[in-house]
Structure formats: C-alpha cells, structure tokens
Amino acid sequence: LPALAFSGADLLHGPLAMTDPDVPVLAVVGGGAGGAAMRDVVAKV
C-alpha cells in the first residue's frame, strides 16, 4: 500500500492538499509537547 509519511509540520506545507475522503490518514497523537503540536494538524486534516 503506497504510504507517504510526513511530520505534522511538513504536512501543512503543501501535502495537506492531497488529503480528502479517499486518502486515509494515520496520525500519531500522544501526550506532551509533540501531541499538543499535532492537534492543529489533525483539525485541518
């Protein structure tokens, strides 16, 4: 299965445009500073 990995920050710098109902997104969102930084990314996805 072709799978593209991006940091949450890089995803917002362009690749976000390819996400839509036909492109599943698997997001790793934990606690701490990294998880907090992902909240905005997940909201936009």
ModelCIF file with pLDDT and N, C-alpha, C, O atoms, coordinates in Angstrom:
data_MODEL
#
_entry.id   MODEL 
#
_entity.id                         1 
_entity.type                       polymer 
_entity.pdbx_number_of_molecules   1 
#
_entity_poly.entity_id                      1 
_entity_poly.type                           'polypeptide(L)' 
_entity_poly.nstd_linkage                   no 
_entity_poly.nstd_monomer                   no 
_entity_poly.pdbx_seq_one_letter_code       LPALAFSGADLLHGPLAMTDPDVPVLAVVGGGAGGAAMRDVVAKV 
_entity_poly.pdbx_seq_one_letter_code_can   LPALAFSGADLLHGPLAMTDPDVPVLAVVGGGAGGAAMRDVVAKV 
_entity_poly.pdbx_strand_id                 A 
#
loop_
_entity_poly_seq.entity_id 
_entity_poly_seq.num 
_entity_poly_seq.mon_id 
_entity_poly_seq.hetero 
1 1  LEU n 
1 2  PRO n 
1 3  ALA n 
1 4  LEU n 
1 5  ALA n 
1 6  PHE n 
1 7  SER n 
1 8  GLY n 
1 9  ALA n 
1 10 ASP n 
1 11 LEU n 
1 12 LEU n 
1 13 HIS n 
1 14 GLY n 
1 15 PRO n 
1 16 LEU n 
1 17 ALA n 
1 18 MET n 
1 19 THR n 
1 20 ASP n 
1 21 PRO n 
1 22 ASP n 
1 23 VAL n 
1 24 PRO n 
1 25 VAL n 
1 26 LEU n 
1 27 ALA n 
1 28 VAL n 
1 29 VAL n 
1 30 GLY n 
1 31 GLY n 
1 32 GLY n 
1 33 ALA n 
1 34 GLY n 
1 35 GLY n 
1 36 ALA n 
1 37 ALA n 
1 38 MET n 
1 39 ARG n 
1 40 ASP n 
1 41 VAL n 
1 42 VAL n 
1 43 ALA n 
1 44 LYS n 
1 45 VAL n 
#
_struct_asym.id          A 
_struct_asym.entity_id   1 
#
loop_
_ma_qa_metric.id 
_ma_qa_metric.mode 
_ma_qa_metric.name 
_ma_qa_metric.software_group_id 
_ma_qa_metric.type 
1 global pLDDT . pLDDT 
2 local  pLDDT . pLDDT 
#
_ma_qa_metric_global.metric_id      1 
_ma_qa_metric_global.metric_value   90.87 
_ma_qa_metric_global.model_id       1 
_ma_qa_metric_global.ordinal_id     1 
#
loop_
_ma_qa_metric_local.label_asym_id 
_ma_qa_metric_local.label_comp_id 
_ma_qa_metric_local.label_seq_id 
_ma_qa_metric_local.metric_id 
_ma_qa_metric_local.metric_value 
_ma_qa_metric_local.model_id 
_ma_qa_metric_local.ordinal_id 
A LEU 1  2 92.00 1 1  
A PRO 2  2 93.00 1 2  
A ALA 3  2 95.00 1 3  
A LEU 4  2 94.00 1 4  
A ALA 5  2 96.00 1 5  
A PHE 6  2 94.00 1 6  
A SER 7  2 94.00 1 7  
A GLY 8  2 93.00 1 8  
A ALA 9  2 92.00 1 9  
A ASP 10 2 93.00 1 10 
A LEU 11 2 92.00 1 11 
A LEU 12 2 88.00 1 12 
A HIS 13 2 88.00 1 13 
A GLY 14 2 84.00 1 14 
A PRO 15 2 88.00 1 15 
A LEU 16 2 87.00 1 16 
A ALA 17 2 82.00 1 17 
A MET 18 2 83.00 1 18 
A THR 19 2 87.00 1 19 
A ASP 20 2 85.00 1 20 
A PRO 21 2 87.00 1 21 
A ASP 22 2 87.00 1 22 
A VAL 23 2 89.00 1 23 
A PRO 24 2 91.00 1 24 
A VAL 25 2 94.00 1 25 
A LEU 26 2 96.00 1 26 
A ALA 27 2 96.00 1 27 
A VAL 28 2 97.00 1 28 
A VAL 29 2 96.00 1 29 
A GLY 30 2 91.00 1 30 
A GLY 31 2 87.00 1 31 
A GLY 32 2 91.00 1 32 
A ALA 33 2 93.00 1 33 
A GLY 34 2 93.00 1 34 
A GLY 35 2 92.00 1 35 
A ALA 36 2 91.00 1 36 
A ALA 37 2 92.00 1 37 
A MET 38 2 92.00 1 38 
A ARG 39 2 89.00 1 39 
A ASP 40 2 90.00 1 40 
A VAL 41 2 91.00 1 41 
A VAL 42 2 91.00 1 42 
A ALA 43 2 91.00 1 43 
A LYS 44 2 91.00 1 44 
A VAL 45 2 91.00 1 45 
#
loop_
_atom_site.group_PDB 
_atom_site.id 
_atom_site.type_symbol 
_atom_site.label_atom_id 
_atom_site.label_alt_id 
_atom_site.label_comp_id 
_atom_site.label_asym_id 
_atom_site.label_entity_id 
_atom_site.label_seq_id 
_atom_site.pdbx_PDB_ins_code 
_atom_site.Cartn_x 
_atom_site.Cartn_y 
_atom_site.Cartn_z 
_atom_site.occupancy 
_atom_site.B_iso_or_equiv 
_atom_site.pdbx_formal_charge 
_atom_site.auth_seq_id 
_atom_site.auth_comp_id 
_atom_site.auth_asym_id 
_atom_site.auth_atom_id 
_atom_site.pdbx_PDB_model_num 
ATOM 1   N N  . LEU A 1 1  ? 0.853   -1.187 0.000  1.00 92.00 ? 1  LEU A N  1 
ATOM 2   C CA . LEU A 1 1  ? 0.000   0.000  0.000  1.00 92.00 ? 1  LEU A CA 1 
ATOM 3   C C  . LEU A 1 1  ? 0.890   1.239  0.000  1.00 92.00 ? 1  LEU A C  1 
ATOM 4   O O  . LEU A 1 1  ? 1.582   1.481  0.989  1.00 92.00 ? 1  LEU A O  1 
ATOM 5   N N  . PRO A 1 2  ? 0.899   2.031  -1.070 1.00 93.00 ? 2  PRO A N  1 
ATOM 6   C CA . PRO A 1 2  ? 1.718   3.234  -1.072 1.00 93.00 ? 2  PRO A CA 1 
ATOM 7   C C  . PRO A 1 2  ? 1.352   4.136  0.104  1.00 93.00 ? 2  PRO A C  1 
ATOM 8   O O  . PRO A 1 2  ? 0.196   4.531  0.263  1.00 93.00 ? 2  PRO A O  1 
ATOM 9   N N  . ALA A 1 3  ? 2.348   4.454  0.920  1.00 95.00 ? 3  ALA A N  1 
ATOM 10  C CA . ALA A 1 3  ? 2.110   5.264  2.117  1.00 95.00 ? 3  ALA A CA 1 
ATOM 11  C C  . ALA A 1 3  ? 3.173   6.343  2.204  1.00 95.00 ? 3  ALA A C  1 
ATOM 12  O O  . ALA A 1 3  ? 4.369   6.066  2.110  1.00 95.00 ? 3  ALA A O  1 
ATOM 13  N N  . LEU A 1 4  ? 2.727   7.565  2.382  1.00 94.00 ? 4  LEU A N  1 
ATOM 14  C CA . LEU A 1 4  ? 3.631   8.715  2.482  1.00 94.00 ? 4  LEU A CA 1 
ATOM 15  C C  . LEU A 1 4  ? 3.656   9.210  3.919  1.00 94.00 ? 4  LEU A C  1 
ATOM 16  O O  . LEU A 1 4  ? 2.606   9.460  4.511  1.00 94.00 ? 4  LEU A O  1 
ATOM 17  N N  . ALA A 1 5  ? 4.845   9.350  4.480  1.00 96.00 ? 5  ALA A N  1 
ATOM 18  C CA . ALA A 1 5  ? 4.993   9.807  5.860  1.00 96.00 ? 5  ALA A CA 1 
ATOM 19  C C  . ALA A 1 5  ? 5.479   11.248 5.883  1.00 96.00 ? 5  ALA A C  1 
ATOM 20  O O  . ALA A 1 5  ? 6.423   11.610 5.180  1.00 96.00 ? 5  ALA A O  1 
ATOM 21  N N  . PHE A 1 6  ? 4.819   12.069 6.703  1.00 94.00 ? 6  PHE A N  1 
ATOM 22  C CA . PHE A 1 6  ? 5.211   13.463 6.854  1.00 94.00 ? 6  PHE A CA 1 
ATOM 23  C C  . PHE A 1 6  ? 5.212   13.831 8.328  1.00 94.00 ? 6  PHE A C  1 
ATOM 24  O O  . PHE A 1 6  ? 4.403   13.322 9.104  1.00 94.00 ? 6  PHE A O  1 
ATOM 25  N N  . SER A 1 7  ? 6.119   14.715 8.709  1.00 94.00 ? 7  SER A N  1 
ATOM 26  C CA . SER A 1 7  ? 5.956   15.326 10.018 1.00 94.00 ? 7  SER A CA 1 
ATOM 27  C C  . SER A 1 7  ? 4.688   16.171 9.954  1.00 94.00 ? 7  SER A C  1 
ATOM 28  O O  . SER A 1 7  ? 4.293   16.636 8.884  1.00 94.00 ? 7  SER A O  1 
ATOM 29  N N  . GLY A 1 8  ? 4.056   16.364 11.107 1.00 93.00 ? 8  GLY A N  1 
ATOM 30  C CA . GLY A 1 8  ? 2.829   17.162 11.116 1.00 93.00 ? 8  GLY A CA 1 
ATOM 31  C C  . GLY A 1 8  ? 3.060   18.546 10.554 1.00 93.00 ? 8  GLY A C  1 
ATOM 32  O O  . GLY A 1 8  ? 2.197   19.092 9.867  1.00 93.00 ? 8  GLY A O  1 
ATOM 33  N N  . ALA A 1 9  ? 4.229   19.123 10.841 1.00 92.00 ? 9  ALA A N  1 
ATOM 34  C CA . ALA A 1 9  ? 4.534   20.464 10.337 1.00 92.00 ? 9  ALA A CA 1 
ATOM 35  C C  . ALA A 1 9  ? 4.664   20.457 8.819  1.00 92.00 ? 9  ALA A C  1 
ATOM 36  O O  . ALA A 1 9  ? 4.124   21.330 8.139  1.00 92.00 ? 9  ALA A O  1 
ATOM 37  N N  . ASP A 1 10 ? 5.385   19.464 8.289  1.00 93.00 ? 10 ASP A N  1 
ATOM 38  C CA . ASP A 1 10 ? 5.571   19.404 6.837  1.00 93.00 ? 10 ASP A CA 1 
ATOM 39  C C  . ASP A 1 10 ? 4.274   19.099 6.102  1.00 93.00 ? 10 ASP A C  1 
ATOM 40  O O  . ASP A 1 10 ? 4.084   19.536 4.967  1.00 93.00 ? 10 ASP A O  1 
ATOM 41  N N  . LEU A 1 11 ? 3.387   18.356 6.740  1.00 92.00 ? 11 LEU A N  1 
ATOM 42  C CA . LEU A 1 11 ? 2.107   18.036 6.102  1.00 92.00 ? 11 LEU A CA 1 
ATOM 43  C C  . LEU A 1 11 ? 1.333   19.308 5.769  1.00 92.00 ? 11 LEU A C  1 
ATOM 44  O O  . LEU A 1 11 ? 0.655   19.385 4.746  1.00 92.00 ? 11 LEU A O  1 
ATOM 45  N N  . LEU A 1 12 ? 1.445   20.301 6.645  1.00 88.00 ? 12 LEU A N  1 
ATOM 46  C CA . LEU A 1 12 ? 0.728   21.558 6.416  1.00 88.00 ? 12 LEU A CA 1 
ATOM 47  C C  . LEU A 1 12 ? 1.375   22.411 5.329  1.00 88.00 ? 12 LEU A C  1 
ATOM 48  O O  . LEU A 1 12 ? 0.749   23.331 4.802  1.00 88.00 ? 12 LEU A O  1 
ATOM 49  N N  . HIS A 1 13 ? 2.639   22.103 4.990  1.00 88.00 ? 13 HIS A N  1 
ATOM 50  C CA . HIS A 1 13 ? 3.352   22.889 3.988  1.00 88.00 ? 13 HIS A CA 1 
ATOM 51  C C  . HIS A 1 13 ? 3.175   22.298 2.603  1.00 88.00 ? 13 HIS A C  1 
ATOM 52  O O  . HIS A 1 13 ? 4.156   22.112 1.883  1.00 88.00 ? 13 HIS A O  1 
ATOM 53  N N  . GLY A 1 14 ? 1.950   22.001 2.218  1.00 84.00 ? 14 GLY A N  1 
ATOM 54  C CA . GLY A 1 14 ? 1.680   21.544 0.868  1.00 84.00 ? 14 GLY A CA 1 
ATOM 55  C C  . GLY A 1 14 ? 0.988   20.207 0.752  1.00 84.00 ? 14 GLY A C  1 
ATOM 56  O O  . GLY A 1 14 ? -0.078  20.134 0.141  1.00 84.00 ? 14 GLY A O  1 
ATOM 57  N N  . PRO A 1 15 ? 1.556   19.119 1.323  1.00 88.00 ? 15 PRO A N  1 
ATOM 58  C CA . PRO A 1 15 ? 0.925   17.802 1.142  1.00 88.00 ? 15 PRO A CA 1 
ATOM 59  C C  . PRO A 1 15 ? -0.496  17.709 1.667  1.00 88.00 ? 15 PRO A C  1 
ATOM 60  O O  . PRO A 1 15 ? -1.243  16.822 1.254  1.00 88.00 ? 15 PRO A O  1 
ATOM 61  N N  . LEU A 1 16 ? -0.892  18.606 2.571  1.00 87.00 ? 16 LEU A N  1 
ATOM 62  C CA . LEU A 1 16 ? -2.268  18.596 3.071  1.00 87.00 ? 16 LEU A CA 1 
ATOM 63  C C  . LEU A 1 16 ? -3.270  18.640 1.927  1.00 87.00 ? 16 LEU A C  1 
ATOM 64  O O  . LEU A 1 16 ? -4.385  18.135 2.050  1.00 87.00 ? 16 LEU A O  1 
ATOM 65  N N  . ALA A 1 17 ? -2.872  19.242 0.820  1.00 82.00 ? 17 ALA A N  1 
ATOM 66  C CA . ALA A 1 17 ? -3.785  19.410 -0.313 1.00 82.00 ? 17 ALA A CA 1 
ATOM 67  C C  . ALA A 1 17 ? -4.257  18.087 -0.893 1.00 82.00 ? 17 ALA A C  1 
ATOM 68  O O  . ALA A 1 17 ? -5.330  18.033 -1.494 1.00 82.00 ? 17 ALA A O  1 
ATOM 69  N N  . MET A 1 18 ? -3.479  17.015 -0.728 1.00 83.00 ? 18 MET A N  1 
ATOM 70  C CA . MET A 1 18 ? -3.888  15.732 -1.324 1.00 83.00 ? 18 MET A CA 1 
ATOM 71  C C  . MET A 1 18 ? -4.797  14.927 -0.410 1.00 83.00 ? 18 MET A C  1 
ATOM 72  O O  . MET A 1 18 ? -5.339  13.905 -0.831 1.00 83.00 ? 18 MET A O  1 
ATOM 73  N N  . THR A 1 19 ? -4.977  15.364 0.833  1.00 87.00 ? 19 THR A N  1 
ATOM 74  C CA . THR A 1 19 ? -5.851  14.613 1.732  1.00 87.00 ? 19 THR A CA 1 
ATOM 75  C C  . THR A 1 19 ? -7.304  14.932 1.422  1.00 87.00 ? 19 THR A C  1 
ATOM 76  O O  . THR A 1 19 ? -7.685  16.090 1.250  1.00 87.00 ? 19 THR A O  1 
ATOM 77  N N  . ASP A 1 20 ? -8.108  13.870 1.356  1.00 85.00 ? 20 ASP A N  1 
ATOM 78  C CA . ASP A 1 20 ? -9.536  14.013 1.084  1.00 85.00 ? 20 ASP A CA 1 
ATOM 79  C C  . ASP A 1 20 ? -10.211 12.726 1.545  1.00 85.00 ? 20 ASP A C  1 
ATOM 80  O O  . ASP A 1 20 ? -9.528  11.851 2.076  1.00 85.00 ? 20 ASP A O  1 
ATOM 81  N N  . PRO A 1 21 ? -11.510 12.574 1.368  1.00 87.00 ? 21 PRO A N  1 
ATOM 82  C CA . PRO A 1 21 ? -12.183 11.357 1.853  1.00 87.00 ? 21 PRO A CA 1 
ATOM 83  C C  . PRO A 1 21 ? -11.654 10.052 1.283  1.00 87.00 ? 21 PRO A C  1 
ATOM 84  O O  . PRO A 1 21 ? -11.892 8.989  1.857  1.00 87.00 ? 21 PRO A O  1 
ATOM 85  N N  . ASP A 1 22 ? -10.930 10.112 0.149  1.00 87.00 ? 22 ASP A N  1 
ATOM 86  C CA . ASP A 1 22 ? -10.406 8.890  -0.463 1.00 87.00 ? 22 ASP A CA 1 
ATOM 87  C C  . ASP A 1 22 ? -8.978  8.563  -0.017 1.00 87.00 ? 22 ASP A C  1 
ATOM 88  O O  . ASP A 1 22 ? -8.439  7.527  -0.407 1.00 87.00 ? 22 ASP A O  1 
ATOM 89  N N  . VAL A 1 23 ? -8.355  9.429  0.796  1.00 89.00 ? 23 VAL A N  1 
ATOM 90  C CA . VAL A 1 23 ? -6.985  9.206  1.238  1.00 89.00 ? 23 VAL A CA 1 
ATOM 91  C C  . VAL A 1 23 ? -6.967  9.063  2.754  1.00 89.00 ? 23 VAL A C  1 
ATOM 92  O O  . VAL A 1 23 ? -7.016  10.070 3.460  1.00 89.00 ? 23 VAL A O  1 
ATOM 93  N N  . PRO A 1 24 ? -6.899  7.841  3.275  1.00 91.00 ? 24 PRO A N  1 
ATOM 94  C CA . PRO A 1 24 ? -6.856  7.663  4.722  1.00 91.00 ? 24 PRO A CA 1 
ATOM 95  C C  . PRO A 1 24 ? -5.599  8.299  5.322  1.00 91.00 ? 24 PRO A C  1 
ATOM 96  O O  . PRO A 1 24 ? -4.530  8.299  4.713  1.00 91.00 ? 24 PRO A O  1 
ATOM 97  N N  . VAL A 1 25 ? -5.759  8.838  6.525  1.00 94.00 ? 25 VAL A N  1 
ATOM 98  C CA . VAL A 1 25 ? -4.643  9.449  7.251  1.00 94.00 ? 25 VAL A CA 1 
ATOM 99  C C  . VAL A 1 25 ? -4.510  8.767  8.602  1.00 94.00 ? 25 VAL A C  1 
ATOM 100 O O  . VAL A 1 25 ? -5.471  8.683  9.367  1.00 94.00 ? 25 VAL A O  1 
ATOM 101 N N  . LEU A 1 26 ? -3.311  8.281  8.885  1.00 96.00 ? 26 LEU A N  1 
ATOM 102 C CA . LEU A 1 26 ? -2.994  7.680  10.178 1.00 96.00 ? 26 LEU A CA 1 
ATOM 103 C C  . LEU A 1 26 ? -2.119  8.670  10.927 1.00 96.00 ? 26 LEU A C  1 
ATOM 104 O O  . LEU A 1 26 ? -0.982  8.921  10.528 1.00 96.00 ? 26 LEU A O  1 
ATOM 105 N N  . ALA A 1 27 ? -2.642  9.238  12.018 1.00 96.00 ? 27 ALA A N  1 
ATOM 106 C CA . ALA A 1 27 ? -1.926  10.263 12.771 1.00 96.00 ? 27 ALA A CA 1 
ATOM 107 C C  . ALA A 1 27 ? -1.557  9.734  14.149 1.00 96.00 ? 27 ALA A C  1 
ATOM 108 O O  . ALA A 1 27 ? -2.387  9.140  14.838 1.00 96.00 ? 27 ALA A O  1 
ATOM 109 N N  . VAL A 1 28 ? -0.308  9.953  14.546 1.00 97.00 ? 28 VAL A N  1 
ATOM 110 C CA . VAL A 1 28 ? 0.164   9.559  15.876 1.00 97.00 ? 28 VAL A CA 1 
ATOM 111 C C  . VAL A 1 28 ? 0.079   10.794 16.769 1.00 97.00 ? 28 VAL A C  1 
ATOM 112 O O  . VAL A 1 28 ? 0.821   11.760 16.593 1.00 97.00 ? 28 VAL A O  1 
ATOM 113 N N  . VAL A 1 29 ? -0.832  10.743 17.718 1.00 96.00 ? 29 VAL A N  1 
ATOM 114 C CA . VAL A 1 29 ? -1.105  11.910 18.569 1.00 96.00 ? 29 VAL A CA 1 
ATOM 115 C C  . VAL A 1 29 ? -1.061  11.463 20.028 1.00 96.00 ? 29 VAL A C  1 
ATOM 116 O O  . VAL A 1 29 ? -2.029  10.907 20.546 1.00 96.00 ? 29 VAL A O  1 
ATOM 117 N N  . GLY A 1 30 ? 0.050   11.706 20.672 1.00 91.00 ? 30 GLY A N  1 
ATOM 118 C CA . GLY A 1 30 ? 0.205   11.316 22.068 1.00 91.00 ? 30 GLY A CA 1 
ATOM 119 C C  . GLY A 1 30 ? 0.096   12.504 22.997 1.00 91.00 ? 30 GLY A C  1 
ATOM 120 O O  . GLY A 1 30 ? -0.487  13.531 22.648 1.00 91.00 ? 30 GLY A O  1 
ATOM 121 N N  . GLY A 1 31 ? 0.662   12.359 24.179 1.00 87.00 ? 31 GLY A N  1 
ATOM 122 C CA . GLY A 1 31 ? 0.683   13.453 25.129 1.00 87.00 ? 31 GLY A CA 1 
ATOM 123 C C  . GLY A 1 31 ? 1.938   14.295 24.947 1.00 87.00 ? 31 GLY A C  1 
ATOM 124 O O  . GLY A 1 31 ? 2.698   14.093 24.001 1.00 87.00 ? 31 GLY A O  1 
ATOM 125 N N  . GLY A 1 32 ? 2.144   15.216 25.834 1.00 91.00 ? 32 GLY A N  1 
ATOM 126 C CA . GLY A 1 32 ? 3.336   16.046 25.781 1.00 91.00 ? 32 GLY A CA 1 
ATOM 127 C C  . GLY A 1 32 ? 3.304   17.078 24.678 1.00 91.00 ? 32 GLY A C  1 
ATOM 128 O O  . GLY A 1 32 ? 2.275   17.309 24.044 1.00 91.00 ? 32 GLY A O  1 
ATOM 129 N N  . ALA A 1 33 ? 4.462   17.702 24.460 1.00 93.00 ? 33 ALA A N  1 
ATOM 130 C CA . ALA A 1 33 ? 4.557   18.798 23.500 1.00 93.00 ? 33 ALA A CA 1 
ATOM 131 C C  . ALA A 1 33 ? 4.290   18.338 22.072 1.00 93.00 ? 33 ALA A C  1 
ATOM 132 O O  . ALA A 1 33 ? 3.656   19.058 21.301 1.00 93.00 ? 33 ALA A O  1 
ATOM 133 N N  . GLY A 1 34 ? 4.767   17.146 21.712 1.00 93.00 ? 34 GLY A N  1 
ATOM 134 C CA . GLY A 1 34 ? 4.555   16.654 20.355 1.00 93.00 ? 34 GLY A CA 1 
ATOM 135 C C  . GLY A 1 34 ? 3.088   16.425 20.055 1.00 93.00 ? 34 GLY A C  1 
ATOM 136 O O  . GLY A 1 34 ? 2.607   16.790 18.982 1.00 93.00 ? 34 GLY A O  1 
ATOM 137 N N  . GLY A 1 35 ? 2.370   15.822 20.997 1.00 92.00 ? 35 GLY A N  1 
ATOM 138 C CA . GLY A 1 35 ? 0.949   15.591 20.801 1.00 92.00 ? 35 GLY A CA 1 
ATOM 139 C C  . GLY A 1 35 ? 0.170   16.887 20.716 1.00 92.00 ? 35 GLY A C  1 
ATOM 140 O O  . GLY A 1 35 ? -0.746  17.024 19.906 1.00 92.00 ? 35 GLY A O  1 
ATOM 141 N N  . ALA A 1 36 ? 0.546   17.852 21.571 1.00 91.00 ? 36 ALA A N  1 
ATOM 142 C CA . ALA A 1 36 ? -0.130  19.154 21.537 1.00 91.00 ? 36 ALA A CA 1 
ATOM 143 C C  . ALA A 1 36 ? 0.078   19.835 20.188 1.00 91.00 ? 36 ALA A C  1 
ATOM 144 O O  . ALA A 1 36 ? -0.829  20.481 19.663 1.00 91.00 ? 36 ALA A O  1 
ATOM 145 N N  . ALA A 1 37 ? 1.290   19.683 19.628 1.00 92.00 ? 37 ALA A N  1 
ATOM 146 C CA . ALA A 1 37 ? 1.582   20.302 18.335 1.00 92.00 ? 37 ALA A CA 1 
ATOM 147 C C  . ALA A 1 37 ? 0.809   19.654 17.197 1.00 92.00 ? 37 ALA A C  1 
ATOM 148 O O  . ALA A 1 37 ? 0.647   20.260 16.137 1.00 92.00 ? 37 ALA A O  1 
ATOM 149 N N  . MET A 1 38 ? 0.327   18.425 17.399 1.00 92.00 ? 38 MET A N  1 
ATOM 150 C CA . MET A 1 38 ? -0.416  17.722 16.358 1.00 92.00 ? 38 MET A CA 1 
ATOM 151 C C  . MET A 1 38 ? -1.895  18.086 16.337 1.00 92.00 ? 38 MET A C  1 
ATOM 152 O O  . MET A 1 38 ? -2.583  17.787 15.361 1.00 92.00 ? 38 MET A O  1 
ATOM 153 N N  . ARG A 1 39 ? -2.395  18.719 17.384 1.00 89.00 ? 39 ARG A N  1 
ATOM 154 C CA . ARG A 1 39 ? -3.838  18.975 17.454 1.00 89.00 ? 39 ARG A CA 1 
ATOM 155 C C  . ARG A 1 39 ? -4.323  19.836 16.289 1.00 89.00 ? 39 ARG A C  1 
ATOM 156 O O  . ARG A 1 39 ? -5.364  19.554 15.697 1.00 89.00 ? 39 ARG A O  1 
ATOM 157 N N  . ASP A 1 40 ? -3.576  20.871 15.967 1.00 90.00 ? 40 ASP A N  1 
ATOM 158 C CA . ASP A 1 40 ? -3.974  21.748 14.864 1.00 90.00 ? 40 ASP A CA 1 
ATOM 159 C C  . ASP A 1 40 ? -3.882  21.006 13.535 1.00 90.00 ? 40 ASP A C  1 
ATOM 160 O O  . ASP A 1 40 ? -4.711  21.211 12.648 1.00 90.00 ? 40 ASP A O  1 
ATOM 161 N N  . VAL A 1 41 ? -2.881  20.148 13.399 1.00 91.00 ? 41 VAL A N  1 
ATOM 162 C CA . VAL A 1 41 ? -2.722  19.361 12.176 1.00 91.00 ? 41 VAL A CA 1 
ATOM 163 C C  . VAL A 1 41 ? -3.924  18.449 11.976 1.00 91.00 ? 41 VAL A C  1 
ATOM 164 O O  . VAL A 1 41 ? -4.499  18.389 10.889 1.00 91.00 ? 41 VAL A O  1 
ATOM 165 N N  . VAL A 1 42 ? -4.296  17.738 13.040 1.00 91.00 ? 42 VAL A N  1 
ATOM 166 C CA . VAL A 1 42 ? -5.428  16.821 12.960 1.00 91.00 ? 42 VAL A CA 1 
ATOM 167 C C  . VAL A 1 42 ? -6.713  17.572 12.624 1.00 91.00 ? 42 VAL A C  1 
ATOM 168 O O  . VAL A 1 42 ? -7.532  17.087 11.843 1.00 91.00 ? 42 VAL A O  1 
ATOM 169 N N  . ALA A 1 43 ? -6.889  18.743 13.208 1.00 91.00 ? 43 ALA A N  1 
ATOM 170 C CA . ALA A 1 43 ? -8.093  19.537 12.933 1.00 91.00 ? 43 ALA A CA 1 
ATOM 171 C C  . ALA A 1 43 ? -8.178  19.907 11.461 1.00 91.00 ? 43 ALA A C  1 
ATOM 172 O O  . ALA A 1 43 ? -9.256  19.849 10.870 1.00 91.00 ? 43 ALA A O  1 
ATOM 173 N N  . LYS A 1 44 ? -7.059  20.283 10.867 1.00 91.00 ? 44 LYS A N  1 
ATOM 174 C CA . LYS A 1 44 ? -7.052  20.672 9.452  1.00 91.00 ? 44 LYS A CA 1 
ATOM 175 C C  . LYS A 1 44 ? -7.294  19.468 8.548  1.00 91.00 ? 44 LYS A C  1 
ATOM 176 O O  . LYS A 1 44 ? -7.970  19.582 7.526  1.00 91.00 ? 44 LYS A O  1 
ATOM 177 N N  . VAL A 1 45 ? -6.742  18.314 8.922  1.00 91.00 ? 45 VAL A N  1 
ATOM 178 C CA . VAL A 1 45 ? -6.991  17.094 8.146  1.00 91.00 ? 45 VAL A CA 1 
ATOM 179 C C  . VAL A 1 45 ? -8.474  16.717 8.224  1.00 91.00 ? 45 VAL A C  1 
ATOM 180 O O  . VAL A 1 45 ? -8.889  15.718 7.636  1.00 91.00 ? 45 VAL A O  1 
#
